[in-house]
Amino acid sequence: MSAFYDFSAPRLDGSPQALADYRDKVVLVVNVASHCGFTPQYAGLEALWRDYRDRGLVILGFPCNQFGEQEPGNAEEIAQFCSLTYDVTFPLFAKVDVNGSAESPIWAWLKAEAPGIFGTEAIKWNFTKFLLDRQGNVVERYAPTVEPKDIAADIERLL
């Protein structure tokens, strides 16, 4: 696979999702977790989604349990937590590994396209974010500490 739109992934409900369906959108891909110190970022991600979705933004959340086992729930528990706690309405996908031998091909591609600090590809923690332009190119990788609101200006430039 050589382009973002070549991939597909199961949604949280198990239904298949072709990423080609997001062609011509600005895409923010995030590895998320329900029991992380950064979990309150769900609110900021949802705010970005609501502010910009009509202009062409899509946010894709990929639950991940690789960091401190902070996403232990099954799909139903994750969906319920996100809905009841943060009123999340942006697309959520099935739980993935973002590092290691079982890493999601999407995440392997994202990391290769936008290595982290000092050229390292590994995801360091939950809520690492990748911003893609309307052509599916990764334009920025953000550390977990970067708040969603601090990405708004970059999103605006791409919309």
N, C-alpha and C. Protein backbone atom coordinates (compact mmCIF):
# COMPACT_ATOMS: atom_id res chain seq x y z
N MET A 1 0.84 -1.18 0.00
CA MET A 1 0.00 0.00 0.00
C MET A 1 0.89 1.24 0.00
N SER A 2 0.56 2.16 -0.87
CA SER A 2 1.41 3.33 -0.98
C SER A 2 0.67 4.64 -0.77
N ALA A 3 -0.63 4.57 -0.56
CA ALA A 3 -1.41 5.78 -0.35
C ALA A 3 -2.47 5.54 0.72
N PHE A 4 -2.79 6.58 1.44
CA PHE A 4 -3.78 6.49 2.51
C PHE A 4 -5.09 5.87 2.01
N TYR A 5 -5.50 6.29 0.81
CA TYR A 5 -6.78 5.84 0.27
C TYR A 5 -6.78 4.38 -0.16
N ASP A 6 -5.63 3.72 -0.16
CA ASP A 6 -5.56 2.31 -0.51
C ASP A 6 -5.99 1.39 0.63
N PHE A 7 -6.05 1.93 1.84
CA PHE A 7 -6.32 1.12 3.02
C PHE A 7 -7.81 1.02 3.32
N SER A 8 -8.15 0.02 4.10
CA SER A 8 -9.48 -0.09 4.70
C SER A 8 -9.27 -0.58 6.12
N ALA A 9 -10.29 -0.38 6.93
CA ALA A 9 -10.20 -0.80 8.33
C ALA A 9 -11.61 -1.06 8.86
N PRO A 10 -11.74 -1.97 9.81
CA PRO A 10 -13.06 -2.19 10.40
C PRO A 10 -13.44 -1.04 11.34
N ARG A 11 -14.68 -0.60 11.22
CA ARG A 11 -15.22 0.39 12.14
C ARG A 11 -15.42 -0.28 13.50
N LEU A 12 -15.71 0.51 14.50
CA LEU A 12 -15.90 -0.02 15.85
C LEU A 12 -17.02 -1.06 15.89
N ASP A 13 -18.02 -0.89 15.03
CA ASP A 13 -19.12 -1.86 14.99
C ASP A 13 -18.79 -3.09 14.14
N GLY A 14 -17.56 -3.15 13.60
CA GLY A 14 -17.13 -4.29 12.81
C GLY A 14 -17.36 -4.15 11.31
N SER A 15 -18.10 -3.15 10.89
CA SER A 15 -18.34 -2.97 9.46
C SER A 15 -17.08 -2.46 8.77
N PRO A 16 -16.83 -2.90 7.54
CA PRO A 16 -15.62 -2.46 6.84
C PRO A 16 -15.74 -1.00 6.39
N GLN A 17 -14.61 -0.31 6.40
CA GLN A 17 -14.58 1.08 5.97
C GLN A 17 -13.39 1.30 5.04
N ALA A 18 -13.67 1.63 3.80
CA ALA A 18 -12.61 1.98 2.86
C ALA A 18 -12.19 3.42 3.12
N LEU A 19 -10.90 3.64 3.30
CA LEU A 19 -10.45 5.01 3.54
C LEU A 19 -10.57 5.86 2.29
N ALA A 20 -10.75 5.23 1.15
CA ALA A 20 -11.02 5.98 -0.09
C ALA A 20 -12.31 6.79 0.03
N ASP A 21 -13.20 6.38 0.94
CA ASP A 21 -14.43 7.14 1.15
C ASP A 21 -14.15 8.53 1.71
N TYR A 22 -12.93 8.74 2.21
CA TYR A 22 -12.57 10.05 2.78
C TYR A 22 -11.73 10.88 1.80
N ARG A 23 -11.68 10.44 0.55
CA ARG A 23 -10.96 11.20 -0.48
C ARG A 23 -11.51 12.62 -0.54
N ASP A 24 -10.64 13.57 -0.75
CA ASP A 24 -10.98 15.00 -0.83
C ASP A 24 -11.40 15.61 0.50
N LYS A 25 -11.14 14.91 1.59
CA LYS A 25 -11.38 15.45 2.93
C LYS A 25 -10.04 15.75 3.59
N VAL A 26 -10.04 16.67 4.53
CA VAL A 26 -8.91 16.84 5.43
C VAL A 26 -9.14 15.83 6.54
N VAL A 27 -8.14 15.02 6.84
CA VAL A 27 -8.32 13.91 7.77
C VAL A 27 -7.37 14.05 8.96
N LEU A 28 -7.91 13.89 10.15
CA LEU A 28 -7.11 13.84 11.37
C LEU A 28 -7.26 12.43 11.94
N VAL A 29 -6.16 11.69 11.97
CA VAL A 29 -6.15 10.31 12.47
C VAL A 29 -5.52 10.34 13.87
N VAL A 30 -6.19 9.71 14.84
CA VAL A 30 -5.75 9.76 16.23
C VAL A 30 -5.87 8.37 16.86
N ASN A 31 -4.83 7.95 17.61
CA ASN A 31 -4.98 6.74 18.42
C ASN A 31 -5.53 7.18 19.77
N VAL A 32 -6.64 6.63 20.16
CA VAL A 32 -7.38 7.08 21.33
C VAL A 32 -7.45 5.99 22.40
N ALA A 33 -7.78 6.40 23.62
CA ALA A 33 -7.94 5.47 24.74
C ALA A 33 -8.87 6.08 25.77
N SER A 34 -9.62 5.23 26.43
CA SER A 34 -10.64 5.69 27.38
C SER A 34 -10.13 5.95 28.78
N HIS A 35 -8.95 5.43 29.14
CA HIS A 35 -8.46 5.56 30.51
C HIS A 35 -7.06 6.16 30.53
N CYS A 36 -6.86 7.20 29.78
CA CYS A 36 -5.56 7.84 29.61
C CYS A 36 -5.63 9.25 30.18
N GLY A 37 -4.51 9.77 30.60
CA GLY A 37 -4.48 11.15 31.06
C GLY A 37 -4.89 12.14 29.99
N PHE A 38 -4.76 11.73 28.71
CA PHE A 38 -5.14 12.59 27.59
C PHE A 38 -6.57 12.35 27.12
N THR A 39 -7.29 11.44 27.76
CA THR A 39 -8.65 11.11 27.34
C THR A 39 -9.57 12.33 27.24
N PRO A 40 -9.42 13.36 28.08
CA PRO A 40 -10.27 14.54 27.91
C PRO A 40 -10.12 15.21 26.53
N GLN A 41 -9.09 14.84 25.78
CA GLN A 41 -8.96 15.38 24.41
C GLN A 41 -10.10 14.93 23.52
N TYR A 42 -10.83 13.88 23.91
CA TYR A 42 -12.01 13.50 23.15
C TYR A 42 -12.94 14.71 22.97
N ALA A 43 -13.09 15.51 24.01
CA ALA A 43 -13.96 16.69 23.92
C ALA A 43 -13.44 17.67 22.87
N GLY A 44 -12.16 17.90 22.84
CA GLY A 44 -11.58 18.80 21.86
C GLY A 44 -11.65 18.25 20.44
N LEU A 45 -11.46 16.94 20.30
CA LEU A 45 -11.59 16.32 18.98
C LEU A 45 -13.02 16.43 18.48
N GLU A 46 -13.97 16.19 19.36
CA GLU A 46 -15.38 16.31 18.98
C GLU A 46 -15.71 17.76 18.60
N ALA A 47 -15.14 18.72 19.32
CA ALA A 47 -15.38 20.13 18.99
C ALA A 47 -14.83 20.46 17.59
N LEU A 48 -13.63 19.98 17.28
CA LEU A 48 -13.07 20.19 15.94
C LEU A 48 -14.00 19.57 14.89
N TRP A 49 -14.43 18.36 15.13
CA TRP A 49 -15.31 17.65 14.21
C TRP A 49 -16.59 18.45 13.95
N ARG A 50 -17.19 18.93 15.00
CA ARG A 50 -18.45 19.68 14.85
C ARG A 50 -18.22 21.03 14.17
N ASP A 51 -17.08 21.66 14.45
CA ASP A 51 -16.79 22.96 13.85
C ASP A 51 -16.45 22.88 12.37
N TYR A 52 -15.79 21.81 11.96
CA TYR A 52 -15.23 21.77 10.61
C TYR A 52 -15.74 20.66 9.69
N ARG A 53 -16.56 19.78 10.18
CA ARG A 53 -16.98 18.65 9.32
C ARG A 53 -17.74 19.12 8.08
N ASP A 54 -18.53 20.17 8.20
CA ASP A 54 -19.27 20.66 7.04
C ASP A 54 -18.37 21.32 6.01
N ARG A 55 -17.15 21.64 6.41
CA ARG A 55 -16.18 22.23 5.49
C ARG A 55 -15.20 21.20 4.94
N GLY A 56 -15.32 19.94 5.39
CA GLY A 56 -14.50 18.90 4.81
C GLY A 56 -13.52 18.20 5.73
N LEU A 57 -13.65 18.37 7.04
CA LEU A 57 -12.79 17.65 7.99
C LEU A 57 -13.44 16.35 8.40
N VAL A 58 -12.64 15.31 8.52
CA VAL A 58 -13.09 14.08 9.15
C VAL A 58 -12.04 13.68 10.18
N ILE A 59 -12.50 13.24 11.33
CA ILE A 59 -11.61 12.75 12.38
C ILE A 59 -11.84 11.25 12.49
N LEU A 60 -10.74 10.49 12.50
CA LEU A 60 -10.82 9.05 12.59
C LEU A 60 -10.12 8.61 13.87
N GLY A 61 -10.87 8.04 14.80
CA GLY A 61 -10.32 7.58 16.07
C GLY A 61 -10.07 6.08 16.05
N PHE A 62 -8.85 5.71 16.42
CA PHE A 62 -8.46 4.30 16.48
C PHE A 62 -8.09 3.94 17.91
N PRO A 63 -8.99 3.29 18.65
CA PRO A 63 -8.66 2.88 20.02
C PRO A 63 -7.43 1.97 20.03
N CYS A 64 -6.62 2.14 21.07
CA CYS A 64 -5.37 1.39 21.19
C CYS A 64 -5.12 1.06 22.65
N ASN A 65 -4.75 -0.17 22.92
CA ASN A 65 -4.52 -0.64 24.29
C ASN A 65 -3.04 -0.91 24.54
N GLN A 66 -2.14 -0.38 23.73
CA GLN A 66 -0.72 -0.69 23.85
C GLN A 66 0.02 0.14 24.89
N PHE A 67 -0.58 1.16 25.41
CA PHE A 67 0.12 2.06 26.32
C PHE A 67 -0.55 2.01 27.69
N GLY A 68 0.05 1.28 28.60
CA GLY A 68 -0.48 1.16 29.94
C GLY A 68 -1.85 0.51 30.01
N GLU A 69 -2.19 -0.27 28.97
CA GLU A 69 -3.51 -0.94 28.93
C GLU A 69 -4.64 0.04 29.24
N GLN A 70 -4.59 1.21 28.59
CA GLN A 70 -5.55 2.27 28.87
C GLN A 70 -6.81 2.20 28.02
N GLU A 71 -6.91 1.16 27.18
CA GLU A 71 -8.14 0.91 26.41
C GLU A 71 -8.49 -0.57 26.51
N PRO A 72 -8.87 -1.02 27.72
CA PRO A 72 -9.11 -2.45 27.92
C PRO A 72 -10.46 -2.94 27.43
N GLY A 73 -11.39 -2.03 27.17
CA GLY A 73 -12.76 -2.44 26.85
C GLY A 73 -12.92 -3.07 25.49
N ASN A 74 -14.07 -3.73 25.33
CA ASN A 74 -14.43 -4.26 24.01
C ASN A 74 -15.11 -3.15 23.21
N ALA A 75 -15.49 -3.44 21.99
CA ALA A 75 -16.06 -2.42 21.11
C ALA A 75 -17.30 -1.76 21.72
N GLU A 76 -18.17 -2.55 22.30
CA GLU A 76 -19.40 -2.00 22.89
C GLU A 76 -19.07 -1.07 24.06
N GLU A 77 -18.13 -1.48 24.90
CA GLU A 77 -17.75 -0.63 26.05
C GLU A 77 -17.09 0.66 25.59
N ILE A 78 -16.26 0.58 24.56
CA ILE A 78 -15.61 1.78 24.03
C ILE A 78 -16.67 2.73 23.46
N ALA A 79 -17.58 2.19 22.68
CA ALA A 79 -18.64 3.01 22.08
C ALA A 79 -19.49 3.69 23.16
N GLN A 80 -19.83 2.92 24.17
CA GLN A 80 -20.67 3.47 25.25
C GLN A 80 -19.92 4.57 26.00
N PHE A 81 -18.65 4.33 26.34
CA PHE A 81 -17.86 5.34 27.04
C PHE A 81 -17.78 6.62 26.22
N CYS A 82 -17.43 6.48 24.95
CA CYS A 82 -17.25 7.67 24.10
C CYS A 82 -18.54 8.45 23.93
N SER A 83 -19.64 7.73 23.78
CA SER A 83 -20.93 8.38 23.59
C SER A 83 -21.42 9.06 24.86
N LEU A 84 -21.38 8.33 25.97
CA LEU A 84 -21.93 8.86 27.21
C LEU A 84 -21.04 9.91 27.88
N THR A 85 -19.74 9.74 27.78
CA THR A 85 -18.82 10.63 28.49
C THR A 85 -18.48 11.88 27.68
N TYR A 86 -18.29 11.72 26.35
CA TYR A 86 -17.84 12.84 25.54
C TYR A 86 -18.73 13.12 24.33
N ASP A 87 -19.85 12.43 24.21
CA ASP A 87 -20.78 12.62 23.10
C ASP A 87 -20.06 12.56 21.75
N VAL A 88 -19.15 11.59 21.63
CA VAL A 88 -18.36 11.43 20.41
C VAL A 88 -19.26 10.98 19.27
N THR A 89 -19.18 11.70 18.15
CA THR A 89 -19.93 11.34 16.95
C THR A 89 -19.02 11.14 15.74
N PHE A 90 -17.72 11.46 15.87
CA PHE A 90 -16.82 11.22 14.74
C PHE A 90 -16.54 9.72 14.63
N PRO A 91 -16.11 9.26 13.46
CA PRO A 91 -15.92 7.82 13.23
C PRO A 91 -14.87 7.19 14.15
N LEU A 92 -15.25 6.08 14.75
CA LEU A 92 -14.34 5.28 15.58
C LEU A 92 -14.15 3.92 14.91
N PHE A 93 -12.95 3.42 15.02
CA PHE A 93 -12.59 2.17 14.38
C PHE A 93 -12.32 1.10 15.43
N ALA A 94 -12.17 -0.13 14.96
CA ALA A 94 -11.85 -1.23 15.84
C ALA A 94 -10.48 -0.99 16.48
N LYS A 95 -10.30 -1.55 17.65
CA LYS A 95 -9.04 -1.41 18.38
C LYS A 95 -7.88 -1.90 17.54
N VAL A 96 -6.76 -1.17 17.58
CA VAL A 96 -5.58 -1.51 16.77
C VAL A 96 -4.32 -1.46 17.62
N ASP A 97 -3.28 -2.10 17.10
CA ASP A 97 -1.92 -1.90 17.59
C ASP A 97 -1.30 -0.87 16.65
N VAL A 98 -0.59 0.10 17.21
CA VAL A 98 0.06 1.13 16.41
C VAL A 98 1.57 0.92 16.32
N ASN A 99 2.08 -0.02 17.08
CA ASN A 99 3.50 -0.39 17.07
C ASN A 99 3.61 -1.91 17.10
N GLY A 100 4.77 -2.42 16.73
CA GLY A 100 5.07 -3.83 16.91
C GLY A 100 4.66 -4.72 15.76
N SER A 101 4.81 -6.01 15.98
CA SER A 101 4.61 -7.00 14.91
C SER A 101 3.16 -7.08 14.44
N ALA A 102 2.22 -6.69 15.28
CA ALA A 102 0.80 -6.74 14.90
C ALA A 102 0.24 -5.36 14.58
N GLU A 103 1.13 -4.39 14.30
CA GLU A 103 0.64 -3.03 14.06
C GLU A 103 -0.26 -2.97 12.83
N SER A 104 -1.21 -2.07 12.91
CA SER A 104 -2.10 -1.82 11.79
C SER A 104 -1.30 -1.30 10.60
N PRO A 105 -1.57 -1.80 9.40
CA PRO A 105 -0.88 -1.29 8.22
C PRO A 105 -1.09 0.22 8.02
N ILE A 106 -2.24 0.70 8.41
CA ILE A 106 -2.48 2.15 8.30
C ILE A 106 -1.49 2.91 9.16
N TRP A 107 -1.30 2.43 10.38
CA TRP A 107 -0.39 3.13 11.29
C TRP A 107 1.07 2.96 10.87
N ALA A 108 1.42 1.82 10.30
CA ALA A 108 2.78 1.65 9.77
C ALA A 108 3.02 2.69 8.67
N TRP A 109 2.04 2.87 7.81
CA TRP A 109 2.16 3.84 6.71
C TRP A 109 2.25 5.26 7.26
N LEU A 110 1.37 5.62 8.20
CA LEU A 110 1.39 6.97 8.78
C LEU A 110 2.75 7.28 9.40
N LYS A 111 3.29 6.34 10.17
CA LYS A 111 4.57 6.54 10.84
C LYS A 111 5.72 6.70 9.84
N ALA A 112 5.67 5.93 8.75
CA ALA A 112 6.71 6.04 7.73
C ALA A 112 6.63 7.38 7.01
N GLU A 113 5.41 7.88 6.81
CA GLU A 113 5.21 9.15 6.12
C GLU A 113 5.61 10.35 6.97
N ALA A 114 5.45 10.23 8.28
CA ALA A 114 5.74 11.35 9.18
C ALA A 114 6.40 10.83 10.45
N PRO A 115 7.70 10.55 10.38
CA PRO A 115 8.40 10.09 11.58
C PRO A 115 8.35 11.15 12.68
N GLY A 116 8.51 10.68 13.89
CA GLY A 116 8.50 11.59 15.04
C GLY A 116 9.84 12.27 15.23
N ILE A 117 10.03 12.79 16.40
CA ILE A 117 11.24 13.52 16.75
C ILE A 117 12.47 12.63 16.54
N PHE A 118 13.51 13.20 16.03
CA PHE A 118 14.77 12.50 15.73
C PHE A 118 14.59 11.35 14.74
N GLY A 119 13.51 11.40 13.94
CA GLY A 119 13.29 10.39 12.92
C GLY A 119 12.73 9.07 13.41
N THR A 120 12.39 8.98 14.69
CA THR A 120 11.83 7.73 15.19
C THR A 120 10.39 7.58 14.69
N GLU A 121 10.04 6.38 14.33
CA GLU A 121 8.70 6.15 13.81
C GLU A 121 7.71 5.71 14.89
N ALA A 122 8.18 5.09 15.94
CA ALA A 122 7.28 4.52 16.95
C ALA A 122 6.35 5.58 17.54
N ILE A 123 5.12 5.15 17.77
CA ILE A 123 4.16 5.98 18.48
C ILE A 123 4.53 5.88 19.96
N LYS A 124 4.61 7.02 20.62
CA LYS A 124 5.06 7.04 22.02
C LYS A 124 3.92 6.86 23.02
N TRP A 125 2.70 7.29 22.66
CA TRP A 125 1.59 7.21 23.61
C TRP A 125 0.29 7.44 22.88
N ASN A 126 -0.81 7.26 23.60
CA ASN A 126 -2.14 7.52 23.06
C ASN A 126 -2.29 9.00 22.72
N PHE A 127 -3.17 9.26 21.79
CA PHE A 127 -3.53 10.60 21.32
C PHE A 127 -2.43 11.25 20.49
N THR A 128 -1.61 10.41 19.83
CA THR A 128 -0.74 10.90 18.77
C THR A 128 -1.65 11.15 17.57
N LYS A 129 -1.40 12.26 16.87
CA LYS A 129 -2.30 12.69 15.81
C LYS A 129 -1.53 12.90 14.50
N PHE A 130 -2.18 12.54 13.39
CA PHE A 130 -1.65 12.76 12.05
C PHE A 130 -2.68 13.55 11.26
N LEU A 131 -2.25 14.66 10.66
CA LEU A 131 -3.12 15.49 9.84
C LEU A 131 -2.78 15.28 8.37
N LEU A 132 -3.79 14.96 7.58
CA LEU A 132 -3.62 14.71 6.16
C LEU A 132 -4.39 15.74 5.35
N ASP A 133 -3.81 16.14 4.22
CA ASP A 133 -4.49 17.08 3.34
C ASP A 133 -5.52 16.36 2.47
N ARG A 134 -6.19 17.11 1.62
CA ARG A 134 -7.27 16.56 0.80
C ARG A 134 -6.77 15.55 -0.24
N GLN A 135 -5.47 15.48 -0.46
CA GLN A 135 -4.91 14.50 -1.39
C GLN A 135 -4.41 13.25 -0.67
N GLY A 136 -4.58 13.20 0.65
CA GLY A 136 -4.17 12.03 1.42
C GLY A 136 -2.71 12.04 1.83
N ASN A 137 -2.07 13.21 1.74
CA ASN A 137 -0.67 13.35 2.17
C ASN A 137 -0.61 13.74 3.64
N VAL A 138 0.27 13.11 4.40
CA VAL A 138 0.47 13.49 5.79
C VAL A 138 1.23 14.82 5.80
N VAL A 139 0.63 15.82 6.42
CA VAL A 139 1.29 17.13 6.48
C VAL A 139 1.86 17.43 7.86
N GLU A 140 1.38 16.73 8.89
CA GLU A 140 1.89 17.00 10.23
C GLU A 140 1.60 15.83 11.15
N ARG A 141 2.53 15.60 12.06
CA ARG A 141 2.37 14.62 13.14
C ARG A 141 2.44 15.40 14.43
N TYR A 142 1.49 15.16 15.32
CA TYR A 142 1.41 15.89 16.59
C TYR A 142 1.59 14.94 17.76
N ALA A 143 2.33 15.38 18.74
CA ALA A 143 2.54 14.62 19.97
C ALA A 143 1.24 14.54 20.76
N PRO A 144 1.13 13.54 21.64
CA PRO A 144 -0.06 13.41 22.46
C PRO A 144 -0.37 14.66 23.30
N THR A 145 0.65 15.41 23.65
CA THR A 145 0.45 16.60 24.48
C THR A 145 -0.18 17.77 23.73
N VAL A 146 -0.21 17.71 22.40
CA VAL A 146 -0.81 18.79 21.61
C VAL A 146 -2.33 18.67 21.69
N GLU A 147 -2.94 19.72 22.19
CA GLU A 147 -4.40 19.75 22.35
C GLU A 147 -5.07 19.93 20.98
N PRO A 148 -6.22 19.32 20.80
CA PRO A 148 -6.92 19.48 19.52
C PRO A 148 -7.13 20.94 19.11
N LYS A 149 -7.47 21.80 20.04
CA LYS A 149 -7.70 23.22 19.69
C LYS A 149 -6.45 23.86 19.08
N ASP A 150 -5.28 23.34 19.43
CA ASP A 150 -4.04 23.90 18.91
C ASP A 150 -3.73 23.43 17.49
N ILE A 151 -4.56 22.55 16.96
CA ILE A 151 -4.42 22.07 15.59
C ILE A 151 -5.37 22.83 14.65
N ALA A 152 -6.28 23.58 15.22
CA ALA A 152 -7.34 24.25 14.44
C ALA A 152 -6.76 25.12 13.33
N ALA A 153 -5.73 25.87 13.60
CA ALA A 153 -5.15 26.76 12.57
C ALA A 153 -4.62 25.95 11.40
N ASP A 154 -3.98 24.81 11.68
CA ASP A 154 -3.46 23.96 10.62
C ASP A 154 -4.61 23.37 9.79
N ILE A 155 -5.68 23.00 10.46
CA ILE A 155 -6.86 22.47 9.76
C ILE A 155 -7.44 23.56 8.86
N GLU A 156 -7.57 24.76 9.40
CA GLU A 156 -8.12 25.89 8.62
C GLU A 156 -7.34 26.09 7.33
N ARG A 157 -6.02 26.01 7.40
CA ARG A 157 -5.20 26.22 6.20
C ARG A 157 -5.45 25.16 5.14
N LEU A 158 -5.84 23.96 5.55
CA LEU A 158 -6.04 22.88 4.59
C LEU A 158 -7.47 22.81 4.05
N LEU A 159 -8.40 23.44 4.74
CA LEU A 159 -9.80 23.35 4.31
C LEU A 159 -10.10 24.24 3.11
